[in-house]
Amino acid sequence: MTHRAPETHTGDHDALAVGWALHTLDPDEATAFEAHLETCPTCRRTVDDTTAILGDLGGAVVPSDPPPRLRQRLLDAVDADLAAGSGPGVDTPDAPSPGPVPSPEEPSPERRDATVVPLAPRRRATRWLAAAAVVLVVAAIGGLTAANQSLRDERDSAQAAAAAQAEREAAVADVLRDAGSPGVSHAVLAGAQGGIVGLVVDDGTGQRVLTTGLGPNDAASEIYVLWGLVDGTPQALGTFDVGGRAPDVRSVPSSPEAVPYAGFAVSLEPGRTAPASPTRVVASGQVGR
């Protein structure tokens, strides 16, 4: 007998697709479904998803509900199967013709059939219920896999944030240690309104600015500039941005020649480059050794 693939996808095909992927269909069902599978991208995805999801089953730890529409399609398919009184492909016997009432000693063929044939629809309905349950479990596992990936992403993000915080703390500790080392130039920066807003350390390899009270700048339209003071004349040493975290350390490239700066200043400039001279000085300090 030649089987033709249905023209459209129905709720029954969801369970068949899972059963086909798990190799639980009987030969006739498998043959008929394979013909449908060749023309149905929805079932193809279900088969592929089932295979992949079962492979990831070991990593699932967080419960998740399957999509409501998938659940409803499966339940509707089972209800329709039960209401019809027989599963797909199950033949029902013809109604018995009127005749004499058989004696109790010899049950008629119709009575013998009536005691056996109704069991086939029940078995088929049970199998459809089991297949529907498998689909729901597989869909739930798919939710578990997505939830696990989300948890892994959150864990990786938390680990990255912790590593960045540890790096900032180490950089701050290095600046404070170097500032207290003999022979290392450093300047405590005081804000225009008073109060300590930062610290500059120059160990001969470049300047590092420890920001404690400098507010975040708009990285798209402005920049902080570090200036070195030589004979009262400011020289631009480099630029840096200040984010929302404090304290933080920003490195500024060193000048080609070592210069004994008398002090340092910081200005906040419009644009993204250092001007010839500071526009608005927001902090400054004298060098100590």
C-alpha atoms as a PDB file:
ATOM      1  CA  MET A   1       0.000   0.000   0.000  1.00  0.00           C
ATOM      2  CA  THR A   2       1.348   3.410  -0.916  1.00  0.00           C
ATOM      3  CA  HIS A   3       1.214   6.127   1.756  1.00  0.00           C
ATOM      4  CA  ARG A   4       0.936   9.769   0.797  1.00  0.00           C
ATOM      5  CA  ALA A   5       2.197  12.561   3.038  1.00  0.00           C
ATOM      6  CA  PRO A   6      -0.537  14.818   4.436  1.00  0.00           C
ATOM      7  CA  GLU A   7      -0.726  18.225   2.887  1.00  0.00           C
ATOM      8  CA  THR A   8      -0.723  20.051   6.210  1.00  0.00           C
ATOM      9  CA  HIS A   9       0.816  19.666   9.663  1.00  0.00           C
ATOM     10  CA  THR A  10      -1.548  18.671  12.473  1.00  0.00           C
ATOM     11  CA  GLY A  11      -1.209  18.185  16.199  1.00  0.00           C
ATOM     12  CA  ASP A  12      -0.901  14.408  15.705  1.00  0.00           C
ATOM     13  CA  HIS A  13       2.342  14.911  13.819  1.00  0.00           C
ATOM     14  CA  ASP A  14       4.069  16.392  16.892  1.00  0.00           C
ATOM     15  CA  ALA A  15       3.781  13.086  18.751  1.00  0.00           C
ATOM     16  CA  LEU A  16       4.665  11.100  15.625  1.00  0.00           C
ATOM     17  CA  ALA A  17       7.788  13.207  15.106  1.00  0.00           C
ATOM     18  CA  VAL A  18       8.997  12.499  18.637  1.00  0.00           C
ATOM     19  CA  GLY A  19       8.117   8.831  18.340  1.00  0.00           C
ATOM     20  CA  TRP A  20       9.989   8.616  15.040  1.00  0.00           C
ATOM     21  CA  ALA A  21      13.067  10.232  16.589  1.00  0.00           C
ATOM     22  CA  LEU A  22      12.883   7.750  19.504  1.00  0.00           C
ATOM     23  CA  HIS A  23      12.215   4.775  17.148  1.00  0.00           C
ATOM     24  CA  THR A  24       8.968   3.879  18.936  1.00  0.00           C
ATOM     25  CA  LEU A  25       6.571   3.913  15.936  1.00  0.00           C
ATOM     26  CA  ASP A  26       5.296   0.653  14.477  1.00  0.00           C
ATOM     27  CA  PRO A  27       6.400  -0.096  10.880  1.00  0.00           C
ATOM     28  CA  ASP A  28       3.217   1.177   9.208  1.00  0.00           C
ATOM     29  CA  GLU A  29       3.269   4.436  11.195  1.00  0.00           C
ATOM     30  CA  ALA A  30       6.965   4.921  10.540  1.00  0.00           C
ATOM     31  CA  THR A  31       6.510   4.416   6.777  1.00  0.00           C
ATOM     32  CA  ALA A  32       3.579   6.816   6.596  1.00  0.00           C
ATOM     33  CA  PHE A  33       5.314   9.421   8.736  1.00  0.00           C
ATOM     34  CA  GLU A  34       8.534   9.269   6.731  1.00  0.00           C
ATOM     35  CA  ALA A  35       6.554  10.278   3.649  1.00  0.00           C
ATOM     36  CA  HIS A  36       5.091  13.205   5.596  1.00  0.00           C
ATOM     37  CA  LEU A  37       8.466  14.121   7.059  1.00  0.00           C
ATOM     38  CA  GLU A  38       9.952  14.694   3.597  1.00  0.00           C
ATOM     39  CA  THR A  39       7.568  17.612   3.009  1.00  0.00           C
ATOM     40  CA  CYS A  40       7.080  19.006   6.534  1.00  0.00           C
ATOM     41  CA  PRO A  41       9.719  21.411   7.904  1.00  0.00           C
ATOM     42  CA  THR A  42       7.852  21.611  11.246  1.00  0.00           C
ATOM     43  CA  CYS A  43       8.247  17.885  11.851  1.00  0.00           C
ATOM     44  CA  ARG A  44      11.832  18.034  10.651  1.00  0.00           C
ATOM     45  CA  ARG A  45      12.584  20.641  13.302  1.00  0.00           C
ATOM     46  CA  THR A  46      10.790  18.567  15.947  1.00  0.00           C
ATOM     47  CA  VAL A  47      12.864  15.503  15.064  1.00  0.00           C
ATOM     48  CA  ASP A  48      16.100  17.513  15.106  1.00  0.00           C
ATOM     49  CA  ASP A  49      15.186  19.255  18.375  1.00  0.00           C
ATOM     50  CA  THR A  50      14.238  15.975  20.033  1.00  0.00           C
ATOM     51  CA  THR A  51      17.549  14.393  19.083  1.00  0.00           C
ATOM     52  CA  ALA A  52      19.562  17.408  20.259  1.00  0.00           C
ATOM     53  CA  ILE A  53      17.566  17.910  23.455  1.00  0.00           C
ATOM     54  CA  LEU A  54      17.898  14.299  24.550  1.00  0.00           C
ATOM     55  CA  GLY A  55      21.635  14.635  24.027  1.00  0.00           C
ATOM     56  CA  ASP A  56      21.667  17.587  26.435  1.00  0.00           C
ATOM     57  CA  LEU A  57      19.408  15.919  29.004  1.00  0.00           C
ATOM     58  CA  GLY A  58      22.266  15.352  31.435  1.00  0.00           C
ATOM     59  CA  GLY A  59      22.835  19.106  31.816  1.00  0.00           C
ATOM     60  CA  ALA A  60      19.230  19.992  32.678  1.00  0.00           C
ATOM     61  CA  VAL A  61      18.701  21.026  36.306  1.00  0.00           C
ATOM     62  CA  VAL A  62      16.142  23.842  36.408  1.00  0.00           C
ATOM     63  CA  PRO A  63      12.427  23.068  35.703  1.00  0.00           C
ATOM     64  CA  SER A  64      10.640  24.898  32.941  1.00  0.00           C
ATOM     65  CA  ASP A  65       7.184  24.595  31.367  1.00  0.00           C
ATOM     66  CA  PRO A  66       6.759  23.638  27.679  1.00  0.00           C
ATOM     67  CA  PRO A  67       5.137  26.140  25.296  1.00  0.00           C
ATOM     68  CA  PRO A  68       1.373  26.341  26.010  1.00  0.00           C
ATOM     69  CA  ARG A  69       0.443  26.031  22.318  1.00  0.00           C
ATOM     70  CA  LEU A  70       2.346  22.753  21.952  1.00  0.00           C
ATOM     71  CA  ARG A  71       0.697  21.355  25.082  1.00  0.00           C
ATOM     72  CA  GLN A  72      -2.789  22.296  23.823  1.00  0.00           C
ATOM     73  CA  ARG A  73      -2.213  20.824  20.350  1.00  0.00           C
ATOM     74  CA  LEU A  74      -1.240  17.493  21.888  1.00  0.00           C
ATOM     75  CA  LEU A  75      -4.156  17.409  24.313  1.00  0.00           C
ATOM     76  CA  ASP A  76      -6.597  18.281  21.497  1.00  0.00           C
ATOM     77  CA  ALA A  77      -5.174  15.465  19.382  1.00  0.00           C
ATOM     78  CA  VAL A  78      -5.629  12.942  22.214  1.00  0.00           C
ATOM     79  CA  ASP A  79      -9.189  14.158  22.922  1.00  0.00           C
ATOM     80  CA  ALA A  80     -10.098  13.783  19.259  1.00  0.00           C
ATOM     81  CA  ASP A  81      -8.621  10.279  19.221  1.00  0.00           C
ATOM     82  CA  LEU A  82     -10.617   9.213  22.268  1.00  0.00           C
ATOM     83  CA  ALA A  83     -13.836  10.816  20.998  1.00  0.00           C
ATOM     84  CA  ALA A  84     -13.580   8.946  17.709  1.00  0.00           C
ATOM     85  CA  GLY A  85     -13.505   5.664  19.597  1.00  0.00           C
ATOM     86  CA  SER A  86     -10.427   4.377  17.798  1.00  0.00           C
ATOM     87  CA  GLY A  87      -6.886   5.445  17.044  1.00  0.00           C
ATOM     88  CA  PRO A  88      -5.514   6.237  13.586  1.00  0.00           C
ATOM     89  CA  GLY A  89      -5.546   3.232  11.325  1.00  0.00           C
ATOM     90  CA  VAL A  90      -7.794   1.076  13.545  1.00  0.00           C
ATOM     91  CA  ASP A  91     -10.680  -0.585  11.768  1.00  0.00           C
ATOM     92  CA  THR A  92     -13.978  -0.890  13.613  1.00  0.00           C
ATOM     93  CA  PRO A  93     -16.124  -3.959  12.986  1.00  0.00           C
ATOM     94  CA  ASP A  94     -19.367  -3.727  11.052  1.00  0.00           C
ATOM     95  CA  ALA A  95     -22.510  -3.571  13.123  1.00  0.00           C
ATOM     96  CA  PRO A  96     -24.017  -7.060  13.588  1.00  0.00           C
ATOM     97  CA  SER A  97     -27.174  -7.814  11.568  1.00  0.00           C
ATOM     98  CA  PRO A  98     -30.422  -8.552  13.460  1.00  0.00           C
ATOM     99  CA  GLY A  99     -30.986 -12.216  14.135  1.00  0.00           C
ATOM    100  CA  PRO A 100     -32.042 -14.725  16.734  1.00  0.00           C
ATOM    101  CA  VAL A 101     -30.676 -14.240  20.176  1.00  0.00           C
ATOM    102  CA  PRO A 102     -27.861 -16.785  20.553  1.00  0.00           C
ATOM    103  CA  SER A 103     -27.942 -19.279  23.341  1.00  0.00           C
ATOM    104  CA  PRO A 104     -25.702 -18.724  26.379  1.00  0.00           C
ATOM    105  CA  GLU A 105     -23.792 -21.889  25.527  1.00  0.00           C
ATOM    106  CA  GLU A 106     -22.618 -20.576  22.148  1.00  0.00           C
ATOM    107  CA  PRO A 107     -21.732 -16.833  22.082  1.00  0.00           C
ATOM    108  CA  SER A 108     -22.230 -15.348  18.652  1.00  0.00           C
ATOM    109  CA  PRO A 109     -19.194 -14.133  16.646  1.00  0.00           C
ATOM    110  CA  GLU A 110     -20.473 -10.634  17.149  1.00  0.00           C
ATOM    111  CA  ARG A 111     -20.371 -11.047  20.948  1.00  0.00           C
ATOM    112  CA  ARG A 112     -16.944 -12.625  20.822  1.00  0.00           C
ATOM    113  CA  ASP A 113     -15.720  -9.719  18.679  1.00  0.00           C
ATOM    114  CA  ALA A 114     -17.345  -7.223  21.011  1.00  0.00           C
ATOM    115  CA  THR A 115     -15.255  -8.516  23.881  1.00  0.00           C
ATOM    116  CA  VAL A 116     -11.976  -8.058  22.003  1.00  0.00           C
ATOM    117  CA  VAL A 117     -12.124  -5.334  19.382  1.00  0.00           C
ATOM    118  CA  PRO A 118     -12.726  -2.337  21.759  1.00  0.00           C
ATOM    119  CA  LEU A 119      -9.364  -3.085  23.362  1.00  0.00           C
ATOM    120  CA  ALA A 120      -7.451  -2.007  20.260  1.00  0.00           C
ATOM    121  CA  PRO A 121      -8.668   1.631  20.402  1.00  0.00           C
ATOM    122  CA  ARG A 122      -7.786   1.692  24.108  1.00  0.00           C
ATOM    123  CA  ARG A 123      -4.277   0.468  23.390  1.00  0.00           C
ATOM    124  CA  ARG A 124      -3.878   2.998  20.599  1.00  0.00           C
ATOM    125  CA  ALA A 125      -5.229   5.823  22.753  1.00  0.00           C
ATOM    126  CA  THR A 126      -2.834   4.843  25.540  1.00  0.00           C
ATOM    127  CA  ARG A 127       0.056   4.926  23.106  1.00  0.00           C
ATOM    128  CA  TRP A 128      -0.985   8.381  21.886  1.00  0.00           C
ATOM    129  CA  LEU A 129      -1.190   9.581  25.476  1.00  0.00           C
ATOM    130  CA  ALA A 130       2.319   8.252  26.105  1.00  0.00           C
ATOM    131  CA  ALA A 131       3.639   9.892  22.943  1.00  0.00           C
ATOM    132  CA  ALA A 132       1.998  13.169  23.904  1.00  0.00           C
ATOM    133  CA  ALA A 133       3.605  12.955  27.326  1.00  0.00           C
ATOM    134  CA  VAL A 134       6.997  12.393  25.688  1.00  0.00           C
ATOM    135  CA  VAL A 135       6.526  15.502  23.565  1.00  0.00           C
ATOM    136  CA  LEU A 136       5.688  17.574  26.640  1.00  0.00           C
ATOM    137  CA  VAL A 137       8.698  16.203  28.518  1.00  0.00           C
ATOM    138  CA  VAL A 138      10.991  16.913  25.572  1.00  0.00           C
ATOM    139  CA  ALA A 139       9.612  20.441  25.291  1.00  0.00           C
ATOM    140  CA  ALA A 140      10.234  20.948  29.010  1.00  0.00           C
ATOM    141  CA  ILE A 141      13.784  19.680  28.588  1.00  0.00           C
ATOM    142  CA  GLY A 142      14.221  22.271  25.853  1.00  0.00           C
ATOM    143  CA  GLY A 143      13.251  24.921  28.384  1.00  0.00           C
ATOM    144  CA  LEU A 144      15.716  23.429  30.845  1.00  0.00           C
ATOM    145  CA  THR A 145      18.518  23.658  28.309  1.00  0.00           C
ATOM    146  CA  ALA A 146      17.744  27.317  27.630  1.00  0.00           C
ATOM    147  CA  ALA A 147      17.552  28.028  31.358  1.00  0.00           C
ATOM    148  CA  ASN A 148      20.891  26.316  31.919  1.00  0.00           C
ATOM    149  CA  GLN A 149      22.483  28.406  29.181  1.00  0.00           C
ATOM    150  CA  SER A 150      21.095  31.541  30.820  1.00  0.00           C
ATOM    151  CA  LEU A 151      22.539  30.455  34.175  1.00  0.00           C
ATOM    152  CA  ARG A 152      25.911  29.746  32.569  1.00  0.00           C
ATOM    153  CA  ASP A 153      25.866  33.188  30.954  1.00  0.00           C
ATOM    154  CA  GLU A 154      25.036  34.810  34.300  1.00  0.00           C
ATOM    155  CA  ARG A 155      27.804  32.831  36.002  1.00  0.00           C
ATOM    156  CA  ASP A 156      30.327  33.833  33.340  1.00  0.00           C
ATOM    157  CA  SER A 157      29.245  37.465  33.617  1.00  0.00           C
ATOM    158  CA  ALA A 158      29.591  37.382  37.412  1.00  0.00           C
ATOM    159  CA  GLN A 159      33.026  35.795  37.151  1.00  0.00           C
ATOM    160  CA  ALA A 160      34.142  38.423  34.628  1.00  0.00           C
ATOM    161  CA  ALA A 161      32.866  41.222  36.892  1.00  0.00           C
ATOM    162  CA  ALA A 162      34.672  39.714  39.891  1.00  0.00           C
ATOM    163  CA  ALA A 163      37.902  39.433  37.890  1.00  0.00           C
ATOM    164  CA  ALA A 164      37.620  43.056  36.743  1.00  0.00           C
ATOM    165  CA  GLN A 165      37.010  44.207  40.316  1.00  0.00           C
ATOM    166  CA  ALA A 166      40.042  42.270  41.545  1.00  0.00           C
ATOM    167  CA  GLU A 167      42.150  43.854  38.793  1.00  0.00           C
ATOM    168  CA  ARG A 168      40.997  47.348  39.802  1.00  0.00           C
ATOM    169  CA  GLU A 169      41.769  46.705  43.441  1.00  0.00           C
ATOM    170  CA  ALA A 170      45.258  45.408  42.561  1.00  0.00           C
ATOM    171  CA  ALA A 171      45.940  48.507  40.432  1.00  0.00           C
ATOM    172  CA  VAL A 172      44.840  50.810  43.259  1.00  0.00           C
ATOM    173  CA  ALA A 173      47.082  48.942  45.706  1.00  0.00           C
ATOM    174  CA  ASP A 174      50.043  49.285  43.311  1.00  0.00           C
ATOM    175  CA  VAL A 175      49.547  53.057  42.987  1.00  0.00           C
ATOM    176  CA  LEU A 176      49.325  53.551  46.740  1.00  0.00           C
ATOM    177  CA  ARG A 177      52.400  51.389  47.325  1.00  0.00           C
ATOM    178  CA  ASP A 178      54.437  53.262  44.689  1.00  0.00           C
ATOM    179  CA  ALA A 179      53.337  56.631  46.071  1.00  0.00           C
ATOM    180  CA  GLY A 180      54.846  55.637  49.387  1.00  0.00           C
ATOM    181  CA  SER A 181      58.102  54.376  47.866  1.00  0.00           C
ATOM    182  CA  PRO A 182      61.193  56.646  48.202  1.00  0.00           C
ATOM    183  CA  GLY A 183      62.226  58.432  44.994  1.00  0.00           C
ATOM    184  CA  VAL A 184      58.888  57.962  43.185  1.00  0.00           C
ATOM    185  CA  SER A 185      57.272  61.234  42.099  1.00  0.00           C
ATOM    186  CA  HIS A 186      53.651  61.630  43.089  1.00  0.00           C
ATOM    187  CA  ALA A 187      51.126  64.398  43.547  1.00  0.00           C
ATOM    188  CA  VAL A 188      47.924  64.457  45.536  1.00  0.00           C
ATOM    189  CA  LEU A 189      45.227  66.107  43.400  1.00  0.00           C
ATOM    190  CA  ALA A 190      42.899  68.592  45.043  1.00  0.00           C
ATOM    191  CA  GLY A 191      39.674  69.627  43.376  1.00  0.00           C
ATOM    192  CA  ALA A 192      38.798  73.200  42.390  1.00  0.00           C
ATOM    193  CA  GLN A 193      36.415  73.358  45.365  1.00  0.00           C
ATOM    194  CA  GLY A 194      38.868  71.675  47.746  1.00  0.00           C
ATOM    195  CA  GLY A 195      39.087  68.098  48.846  1.00  0.00           C
ATOM    196  CA  ILE A 196      41.193  65.256  47.465  1.00  0.00           C
ATOM    197  CA  VAL A 197      39.909  63.935  44.134  1.00  0.00           C
ATOM    198  CA  GLY A 198      42.855  61.842  42.960  1.00  0.00           C
ATOM    199  CA  LEU A 199      46.505  60.901  42.998  1.00  0.00           C
ATOM    200  CA  VAL A 200      49.166  60.943  40.259  1.00  0.00           C
ATOM    201  CA  VAL A 201      52.167  58.599  40.433  1.00  0.00           C
ATOM    202  CA  ASP A 202      55.154  58.893  38.051  1.00  0.00           C
ATOM    203  CA  ASP A 203      57.629  56.009  38.413  1.00  0.00           C
ATOM    204  CA  GLY A 204      59.577  56.866  35.239  1.00  0.00           C
ATOM    205  CA  THR A 205      57.629  54.487  32.980  1.00  0.00           C
ATOM    206  CA  GLY A 206      54.520  56.639  32.715  1.00  0.00           C
ATOM    207  CA  GLN A 207      51.970  58.403  34.822  1.00  0.00           C
ATOM    208  CA  ARG A 208      49.072  56.661  36.531  1.00  0.00           C
ATOM    209  CA  VAL A 209      46.090  58.592  37.786  1.00  0.00           C
ATOM    210  CA  LEU A 210      44.107  57.240  40.730  1.00  0.00           C
ATOM    211  CA  THR A 211      40.624  58.728  40.466  1.00  0.00           C
ATOM    212  CA  THR A 212      38.628  58.989  43.672  1.00  0.00           C
ATOM    213  CA  GLY A 213      36.547  62.145  43.267  1.00  0.00           C
ATOM    214  CA  LEU A 214      36.618  62.920  39.535  1.00  0.00           C
ATOM    215  CA  GLY A 215      33.151  62.570  38.088  1.00  0.00           C
ATOM    216  CA  PRO A 216      32.442  60.369  35.039  1.00  0.00           C
ATOM    217  CA  ASN A 217      32.895  62.161  31.711  1.00  0.00           C
ATOM    218  CA  ASP A 218      30.806  61.791  28.578  1.00  0.00           C
ATOM    219  CA  ALA A 219      33.085  59.527  26.533  1.00  0.00           C
ATOM    220  CA  ALA A 220      31.409  60.648  23.307  1.00  0.00           C
ATOM    221  CA  SER A 221      31.952  64.398  23.661  1.00  0.00           C
ATOM    222  CA  GLU A 222      34.612  65.149  26.307  1.00  0.00           C
ATOM    223  CA  ILE A 223      37.885  63.870  27.758  1.00  0.00           C
ATOM    224  CA  TYR A 224      40.112  64.313  30.789  1.00  0.00           C
ATOM    225  CA  VAL A 225      43.678  65.556  30.081  1.00  0.00           C
ATOM    226  CA  LEU A 226      46.661  65.100  32.404  1.00  0.00           C
ATOM    227  CA  TRP A 227      49.127  68.008  32.367  1.00  0.00           C
ATOM    228  CA  GLY A 228      52.697  68.159  33.673  1.00  0.00           C
ATOM    229  CA  LEU A 229      53.850  71.514  35.037  1.00  0.00           C
ATOM    230  CA  VAL A 230      57.376  72.647  34.042  1.00  0.00           C
ATOM    231  CA  ASP A 231      58.414  76.131  35.147  1.00  0.00           C
ATOM    232  CA  GLY A 232      54.755  76.984  35.536  1.00  0.00           C
ATOM    233  CA  THR A 233      53.941  75.939  31.934  1.00  0.00           C
ATOM    234  CA  PRO A 234      51.470  73.052  31.484  1.00  0.00           C
ATOM    235  CA  GLN A 235      52.379  70.282  29.024  1.00  0.00           C
ATOM    236  CA  ALA A 236      49.762  67.792  27.895  1.00  0.00           C
ATOM    237  CA  LEU A 237      50.866  64.279  28.843  1.00  0.00           C
ATOM    238  CA  GLY A 238      47.869  62.239  27.767  1.00  0.00           C
ATOM    239  CA  THR A 239      44.127  61.739  27.950  1.00  0.00           C
ATOM    240  CA  PHE A 240      41.885  59.391  29.894  1.00  0.00           C
ATOM    241  CA  ASP A 241      38.232  58.694  30.673  1.00  0.00           C
ATOM    242  CA  VAL A 242      36.587  58.240  34.050  1.00  0.00           C
ATOM    243  CA  GLY A 243      33.753  55.732  34.351  1.00  0.00           C
ATOM    244  CA  GLY A 244      31.199  55.227  37.066  1.00  0.00           C
ATOM    245  CA  ARG A 245      33.419  53.105  39.321  1.00  0.00           C
ATOM    246  CA  ALA A 246      35.710  54.699  41.921  1.00  0.00           C
ATOM    247  CA  PRO A 247      38.424  54.406  42.906  1.00  0.00           C
ATOM    248  CA  ASP A 248      39.972  53.438  39.592  1.00  0.00           C
ATOM    249  CA  VAL A 249      43.369  53.763  37.917  1.00  0.00           C
ATOM    250  CA  ARG A 250      44.078  55.218  34.479  1.00  0.00           C
ATOM    251  CA  SER A 251      47.492  54.936  32.829  1.00  0.00           C
ATOM    252  CA  VAL A 252      48.885  57.802  30.747  1.00  0.00           C
ATOM    253  CA  PRO A 253      51.757  57.183  28.280  1.00  0.00           C
ATOM    254  CA  SER A 254      55.094  58.654  29.364  1.00  0.00           C
ATOM    255  CA  SER A 255      56.876  61.388  27.426  1.00  0.00           C
ATOM    256  CA  PRO A 256      59.960  60.412  25.373  1.00  0.00           C
ATOM    257  CA  GLU A 257      62.248  62.178  27.850  1.00  0.00           C
ATOM    258  CA  ALA A 258      62.109  62.057  31.604  1.00  0.00           C
ATOM    259  CA  VAL A 259      61.074  65.483  32.847  1.00  0.00           C
ATOM    260  CA  PRO A 260      61.180  66.537  36.518  1.00  0.00           C
ATOM    261  CA  TYR A 261      57.639  67.898  36.759  1.00  0.00           C
ATOM    262  CA  ALA A 262      56.968  70.321  39.572  1.00  0.00           C
ATOM    263  CA  GLY A 263      53.316  69.398  39.662  1.00  0.00           C
ATOM    264  CA  PHE A 264      50.395  67.839  37.786  1.00  0.00           C
ATOM    265  CA  ALA A 265      46.973  69.109  36.795  1.00  0.00           C
ATOM    266  CA  VAL A 266      43.853  67.589  35.278  1.00  0.00           C
ATOM    267  CA  SER A 267      41.443  69.408  32.976  1.00  0.00           C
ATOM    268  CA  LEU A 268      38.136  68.361  31.461  1.00  0.00           C
ATOM    269  CA  GLU A 269      38.086  69.242  27.760  1.00  0.00           C
ATOM    270  CA  PRO A 270      35.383  69.305  25.095  1.00  0.00           C
ATOM    271  CA  GLY A 271      36.012  66.920  22.211  1.00  0.00           C
ATOM    272  CA  ARG A 272      38.282  63.897  22.327  1.00  0.00           C
ATOM    273  CA  THR A 273      41.766  65.408  21.975  1.00  0.00           C
ATOM    274  CA  ALA A 274      44.079  67.452  24.191  1.00  0.00           C
ATOM    275  CA  PRO A 275      44.182  71.183  23.378  1.00  0.00           C
ATOM    276  CA  ALA A 276      47.337  73.330  23.368  1.00  0.00           C
ATOM    277  CA  SER A 277      46.513  74.614  26.840  1.00  0.00           C
ATOM    278  CA  PRO A 278      43.981  73.598  29.497  1.00  0.00           C
ATOM    279  CA  THR A 279      40.454  74.920  29.114  1.00  0.00           C
ATOM    280  CA  ARG A 280      39.014  74.070  32.554  1.00  0.00           C
ATOM    281  CA  VAL A 281      41.299  72.747  35.269  1.00  0.00           C
ATOM    282  CA  VAL A 282      39.401  70.528  37.686  1.00  0.00           C
ATOM    283  CA  ALA A 283      42.270  69.282  39.883  1.00  0.00           C
ATOM    284  CA  SER A 284      45.951  69.958  40.564  1.00  0.00           C
ATOM    285  CA  GLY A 285      48.759  69.124  42.999  1.00  0.00           C
ATOM    286  CA  GLN A 286      52.460  69.629  43.700  1.00  0.00           C
ATOM    287  CA  VAL A 287      54.944  66.797  43.271  1.00  0.00           C
ATOM    288  CA  GLY A 288      56.415  65.165  46.325  1.00  0.00           C
ATOM    289  CA  ARG A 289      59.142  62.532  46.541  1.00  0.00           C
END
